[in-house]
Amino acid sequence: MTRSKHAHRTMAHEGLNPAPSTLRKWLDGTQTPREDDLVLIEATYRRMRRNRIARYLLQRLNANGGTLIEIHPAEDGNVPQQNRRRHKSVRKVKIRRWTRS
């Protein structure tokens, strides 16, 4: 969380803005953050990680023209046979755009 300007801006936006000397002490282990700072560090880290992973996964899903997914039907053994049970097989669908458009 401390290696890029973007990360520092995100930390500041989240309310986590320690002095450079305090941050240095946290990183080298000579000082530990207060409890409320630890909670804020954890929340900020998780939010930043989620955003990074979401962009990465979206890139992977849209690569090579889309992603082939398999849809496995639900088990319907408890459904009565009389005109209610349908023949279902595994379907394969290629989704080409995972983004909202």
N, C-alpha and C. Protein backbone atom coordinates (compact mmCIF):
# COMPACT_ATOMS: atom_id res chain seq x y z
N MET A 1 0.81 -1.20 0.00
CA MET A 1 0.00 0.00 0.00
C MET A 1 0.85 1.26 0.00
N THR A 2 2.12 1.14 0.10
CA THR A 2 2.95 2.34 0.23
C THR A 2 3.87 2.56 -0.96
N ARG A 3 3.72 1.78 -2.02
CA ARG A 3 4.70 1.84 -3.10
C ARG A 3 4.36 2.78 -4.24
N SER A 4 3.12 3.23 -4.34
CA SER A 4 2.76 4.08 -5.46
C SER A 4 2.04 5.34 -4.98
N LYS A 5 2.04 6.34 -5.83
CA LYS A 5 1.32 7.58 -5.50
C LYS A 5 -0.17 7.32 -5.42
N HIS A 6 -0.65 6.45 -6.31
CA HIS A 6 -2.07 6.10 -6.29
C HIS A 6 -2.46 5.48 -4.94
N ALA A 7 -1.62 4.60 -4.43
CA ALA A 7 -1.90 3.97 -3.13
C ALA A 7 -1.91 5.01 -2.02
N HIS A 8 -0.96 5.95 -2.05
CA HIS A 8 -0.93 7.01 -1.03
C HIS A 8 -2.18 7.88 -1.11
N ARG A 9 -2.63 8.18 -2.33
CA ARG A 9 -3.86 8.99 -2.48
C ARG A 9 -5.06 8.22 -1.94
N THR A 10 -5.11 6.92 -2.22
CA THR A 10 -6.22 6.11 -1.71
C THR A 10 -6.21 6.05 -0.20
N MET A 11 -5.03 5.87 0.38
CA MET A 11 -4.92 5.85 1.84
C MET A 11 -5.41 7.16 2.44
N ALA A 12 -4.99 8.27 1.84
CA ALA A 12 -5.40 9.59 2.35
C ALA A 12 -6.92 9.76 2.20
N HIS A 13 -7.47 9.31 1.08
CA HIS A 13 -8.91 9.40 0.85
C HIS A 13 -9.69 8.59 1.88
N GLU A 14 -9.12 7.48 2.31
CA GLU A 14 -9.76 6.62 3.31
C GLU A 14 -9.58 7.16 4.73
N GLY A 15 -8.78 8.20 4.89
CA GLY A 15 -8.55 8.77 6.22
C GLY A 15 -7.31 8.24 6.89
N LEU A 16 -6.50 7.49 6.17
CA LEU A 16 -5.27 6.93 6.71
C LEU A 16 -4.12 7.75 6.15
N ASN A 17 -3.65 8.70 6.94
CA ASN A 17 -2.62 9.61 6.46
C ASN A 17 -1.57 9.84 7.55
N PRO A 18 -0.76 8.80 7.84
CA PRO A 18 0.25 8.97 8.90
C PRO A 18 1.40 9.85 8.42
N ALA A 19 2.09 10.43 9.37
CA ALA A 19 3.29 11.21 9.04
C ALA A 19 4.33 10.27 8.44
N PRO A 20 5.20 10.77 7.55
CA PRO A 20 6.21 9.91 6.95
C PRO A 20 7.07 9.17 7.97
N SER A 21 7.42 9.85 9.07
CA SER A 21 8.24 9.18 10.09
C SER A 21 7.47 8.05 10.78
N THR A 22 6.18 8.25 11.01
CA THR A 22 5.35 7.22 11.62
C THR A 22 5.22 6.02 10.69
N LEU A 23 4.98 6.30 9.42
CA LEU A 23 4.87 5.22 8.43
C LEU A 23 6.16 4.42 8.35
N ARG A 24 7.28 5.10 8.38
CA ARG A 24 8.59 4.44 8.34
C ARG A 24 8.75 3.51 9.55
N LYS A 25 8.33 4.00 10.73
CA LYS A 25 8.42 3.18 11.95
C LYS A 25 7.50 1.97 11.88
N TRP A 26 6.30 2.16 11.31
CA TRP A 26 5.39 1.04 11.14
C TRP A 26 6.01 -0.03 10.24
N LEU A 27 6.62 0.42 9.15
CA LEU A 27 7.17 -0.51 8.17
C LEU A 27 8.41 -1.25 8.68
N ASP A 28 9.23 -0.57 9.48
CA ASP A 28 10.43 -1.27 9.98
C ASP A 28 10.18 -2.00 11.30
N GLY A 29 8.98 -1.89 11.84
CA GLY A 29 8.59 -2.66 13.01
C GLY A 29 8.98 -2.06 14.35
N THR A 30 9.47 -0.83 14.38
CA THR A 30 9.85 -0.21 15.66
C THR A 30 8.65 0.40 16.38
N GLN A 31 7.53 0.55 15.67
CA GLN A 31 6.31 1.10 16.28
C GLN A 31 5.12 0.36 15.66
N THR A 32 4.12 0.07 16.49
CA THR A 32 2.92 -0.56 15.97
C THR A 32 1.79 0.47 15.91
N PRO A 33 0.93 0.36 14.91
CA PRO A 33 -0.18 1.30 14.79
C PRO A 33 -1.18 1.12 15.94
N ARG A 34 -1.89 2.19 16.24
CA ARG A 34 -2.96 2.11 17.23
C ARG A 34 -4.07 1.21 16.71
N GLU A 35 -4.95 0.79 17.59
CA GLU A 35 -6.03 -0.13 17.23
C GLU A 35 -6.92 0.43 16.13
N ASP A 36 -7.31 1.69 16.25
CA ASP A 36 -8.18 2.28 15.22
C ASP A 36 -7.45 2.42 13.88
N ASP A 37 -6.14 2.67 13.92
CA ASP A 37 -5.36 2.71 12.69
C ASP A 37 -5.25 1.32 12.06
N LEU A 38 -5.12 0.29 12.88
CA LEU A 38 -5.07 -1.07 12.35
C LEU A 38 -6.36 -1.43 11.62
N VAL A 39 -7.49 -1.05 12.18
CA VAL A 39 -8.78 -1.31 11.54
C VAL A 39 -8.85 -0.58 10.20
N LEU A 40 -8.41 0.67 10.18
CA LEU A 40 -8.41 1.48 8.96
C LEU A 40 -7.44 0.92 7.92
N ILE A 41 -6.28 0.47 8.36
CA ILE A 41 -5.30 -0.15 7.45
C ILE A 41 -5.90 -1.39 6.81
N GLU A 42 -6.52 -2.23 7.59
CA GLU A 42 -7.13 -3.47 7.08
C GLU A 42 -8.23 -3.17 6.07
N ALA A 43 -9.12 -2.23 6.41
CA ALA A 43 -10.22 -1.89 5.50
C ALA A 43 -9.70 -1.29 4.20
N THR A 44 -8.71 -0.43 4.29
CA THR A 44 -8.14 0.20 3.10
C THR A 44 -7.45 -0.84 2.23
N TYR A 45 -6.69 -1.72 2.85
CA TYR A 45 -6.00 -2.77 2.10
C TYR A 45 -7.00 -3.65 1.36
N ARG A 46 -8.05 -4.08 2.05
CA ARG A 46 -9.04 -4.96 1.42
C ARG A 46 -9.74 -4.26 0.25
N ARG A 47 -10.07 -2.98 0.42
CA ARG A 47 -10.73 -2.24 -0.66
C ARG A 47 -9.81 -2.10 -1.86
N MET A 48 -8.54 -1.78 -1.62
CA MET A 48 -7.58 -1.63 -2.72
C MET A 48 -7.38 -2.97 -3.42
N ARG A 49 -7.26 -4.04 -2.66
CA ARG A 49 -7.06 -5.38 -3.23
C ARG A 49 -8.26 -5.82 -4.07
N ARG A 50 -9.46 -5.55 -3.55
CA ARG A 50 -10.67 -5.92 -4.28
C ARG A 50 -10.73 -5.20 -5.63
N ASN A 51 -10.39 -3.91 -5.65
CA ASN A 51 -10.41 -3.16 -6.91
C ASN A 51 -9.38 -3.70 -7.89
N ARG A 52 -8.19 -4.03 -7.41
CA ARG A 52 -7.15 -4.55 -8.28
C ARG A 52 -7.54 -5.90 -8.86
N ILE A 53 -8.08 -6.77 -8.02
CA ILE A 53 -8.48 -8.10 -8.48
C ILE A 53 -9.64 -8.02 -9.45
N ALA A 54 -10.59 -7.13 -9.19
CA ALA A 54 -11.74 -7.00 -10.09
C ALA A 54 -11.28 -6.61 -11.49
N ARG A 55 -10.36 -5.66 -11.61
CA ARG A 55 -9.85 -5.25 -12.93
C ARG A 55 -9.13 -6.41 -13.60
N TYR A 56 -8.33 -7.15 -12.85
CA TYR A 56 -7.58 -8.28 -13.39
C TYR A 56 -8.52 -9.37 -13.90
N LEU A 57 -9.53 -9.72 -13.08
CA LEU A 57 -10.46 -10.76 -13.49
C LEU A 57 -11.26 -10.35 -14.72
N LEU A 58 -11.66 -9.10 -14.78
CA LEU A 58 -12.40 -8.61 -15.94
C LEU A 58 -11.55 -8.71 -17.20
N GLN A 59 -10.28 -8.40 -17.10
CA GLN A 59 -9.36 -8.55 -18.23
C GLN A 59 -9.30 -10.00 -18.67
N ARG A 60 -9.17 -10.91 -17.72
CA ARG A 60 -9.09 -12.34 -18.04
C ARG A 60 -10.38 -12.85 -18.67
N LEU A 61 -11.53 -12.41 -18.14
CA LEU A 61 -12.81 -12.89 -18.66
C LEU A 61 -13.06 -12.40 -20.08
N ASN A 62 -12.60 -11.21 -20.42
CA ASN A 62 -12.83 -10.65 -21.75
C ASN A 62 -11.75 -11.04 -22.75
N ALA A 63 -10.68 -11.69 -22.32
CA ALA A 63 -9.56 -12.05 -23.21
C ALA A 63 -10.01 -13.07 -24.26
N ASN A 64 -9.40 -13.01 -25.40
CA ASN A 64 -9.65 -13.95 -26.51
C ASN A 64 -11.12 -14.00 -26.91
N GLY A 65 -11.79 -12.86 -26.89
CA GLY A 65 -13.18 -12.82 -27.36
C GLY A 65 -14.22 -13.24 -26.35
N GLY A 66 -13.86 -13.50 -25.12
CA GLY A 66 -14.84 -13.87 -24.10
C GLY A 66 -14.42 -15.12 -23.36
N THR A 67 -15.33 -15.62 -22.53
CA THR A 67 -15.04 -16.78 -21.70
C THR A 67 -16.14 -17.81 -21.87
N LEU A 68 -15.74 -19.05 -22.06
CA LEU A 68 -16.68 -20.14 -22.17
C LEU A 68 -17.02 -20.64 -20.77
N ILE A 69 -18.30 -20.66 -20.46
CA ILE A 69 -18.72 -21.17 -19.15
C ILE A 69 -19.65 -22.36 -19.35
N GLU A 70 -19.69 -23.24 -18.38
CA GLU A 70 -20.59 -24.38 -18.41
C GLU A 70 -21.68 -24.18 -17.37
N ILE A 71 -22.89 -24.47 -17.77
CA ILE A 71 -24.02 -24.38 -16.86
C ILE A 71 -24.50 -25.80 -16.59
N HIS A 72 -24.38 -26.23 -15.36
CA HIS A 72 -24.80 -27.57 -14.97
C HIS A 72 -26.21 -27.48 -14.38
N PRO A 73 -27.12 -28.31 -14.87
CA PRO A 73 -28.49 -28.24 -14.39
C PRO A 73 -28.61 -28.66 -12.93
N ALA A 74 -29.65 -28.16 -12.30
CA ALA A 74 -29.91 -28.51 -10.91
C ALA A 74 -30.45 -29.93 -10.82
N GLU A 75 -30.20 -30.55 -9.71
CA GLU A 75 -30.71 -31.91 -9.46
C GLU A 75 -32.23 -31.82 -9.27
N ASP A 76 -32.98 -32.58 -10.07
CA ASP A 76 -34.43 -32.54 -9.94
C ASP A 76 -35.02 -33.92 -9.65
N GLY A 77 -34.28 -34.72 -8.91
CA GLY A 77 -34.74 -36.07 -8.57
C GLY A 77 -36.01 -36.09 -7.75
N ASN A 78 -36.29 -35.02 -7.01
CA ASN A 78 -37.49 -34.97 -6.18
C ASN A 78 -38.71 -34.47 -6.95
N VAL A 79 -38.52 -34.03 -8.17
CA VAL A 79 -39.63 -33.51 -8.96
C VAL A 79 -40.40 -34.69 -9.56
N PRO A 80 -41.74 -34.69 -9.45
CA PRO A 80 -42.52 -35.78 -10.03
C PRO A 80 -42.30 -35.86 -11.55
N GLN A 81 -42.31 -37.06 -12.09
CA GLN A 81 -42.03 -37.29 -13.50
C GLN A 81 -43.12 -36.73 -14.41
N GLN A 82 -44.36 -36.69 -13.94
CA GLN A 82 -45.50 -36.36 -14.80
C GLN A 82 -45.43 -34.92 -15.30
N ASN A 83 -44.98 -34.74 -16.49
CA ASN A 83 -44.98 -33.46 -17.21
C ASN A 83 -44.25 -32.33 -16.50
N ARG A 84 -43.49 -32.61 -15.49
CA ARG A 84 -42.79 -31.54 -14.77
C ARG A 84 -41.27 -31.63 -14.94
N ARG A 85 -40.77 -32.82 -15.08
CA ARG A 85 -39.33 -33.01 -15.21
C ARG A 85 -38.94 -32.86 -16.68
N ARG A 86 -37.92 -32.09 -16.93
CA ARG A 86 -37.45 -31.87 -18.30
C ARG A 86 -36.10 -32.54 -18.49
N HIS A 87 -35.81 -32.88 -19.75
CA HIS A 87 -34.48 -33.40 -20.06
C HIS A 87 -33.53 -32.21 -20.06
N LYS A 88 -32.53 -32.27 -19.21
CA LYS A 88 -31.56 -31.18 -19.11
C LYS A 88 -30.17 -31.73 -19.31
N SER A 89 -29.36 -30.98 -19.99
CA SER A 89 -27.98 -31.38 -20.18
C SER A 89 -27.09 -30.18 -19.87
N VAL A 90 -25.81 -30.45 -19.74
CA VAL A 90 -24.86 -29.37 -19.49
C VAL A 90 -24.82 -28.48 -20.72
N ARG A 91 -24.93 -27.19 -20.49
CA ARG A 91 -24.87 -26.24 -21.60
C ARG A 91 -23.56 -25.46 -21.52
N LYS A 92 -23.05 -25.10 -22.66
CA LYS A 92 -21.84 -24.27 -22.72
C LYS A 92 -22.21 -22.98 -23.42
N VAL A 93 -21.85 -21.86 -22.80
CA VAL A 93 -22.18 -20.55 -23.32
C VAL A 93 -20.90 -19.73 -23.33
N LYS A 94 -20.70 -18.97 -24.40
CA LYS A 94 -19.54 -18.07 -24.44
C LYS A 94 -20.06 -16.65 -24.19
N ILE A 95 -19.60 -16.07 -23.09
CA ILE A 95 -19.98 -14.70 -22.76
C ILE A 95 -18.87 -13.80 -23.27
N ARG A 96 -19.26 -12.84 -24.09
CA ARG A 96 -18.26 -12.02 -24.77
C ARG A 96 -17.95 -10.71 -24.07
N ARG A 97 -18.91 -10.10 -23.42
CA ARG A 97 -18.63 -8.84 -22.71
C ARG A 97 -19.13 -8.96 -21.29
N TRP A 98 -18.22 -8.91 -20.34
CA TRP A 98 -18.57 -9.04 -18.93
C TRP A 98 -18.85 -7.68 -18.31
N THR A 99 -18.54 -6.62 -19.01
CA THR A 99 -18.78 -5.29 -18.47
C THR A 99 -20.20 -4.85 -18.79
N ARG A 100 -20.72 -3.93 -18.01
CA ARG A 100 -22.04 -3.37 -18.30
C ARG A 100 -21.89 -2.43 -19.47
N SER A 101 -22.72 -2.60 -20.48
CA SER A 101 -22.66 -1.68 -21.62
C SER A 101 -24.02 -1.49 -22.22
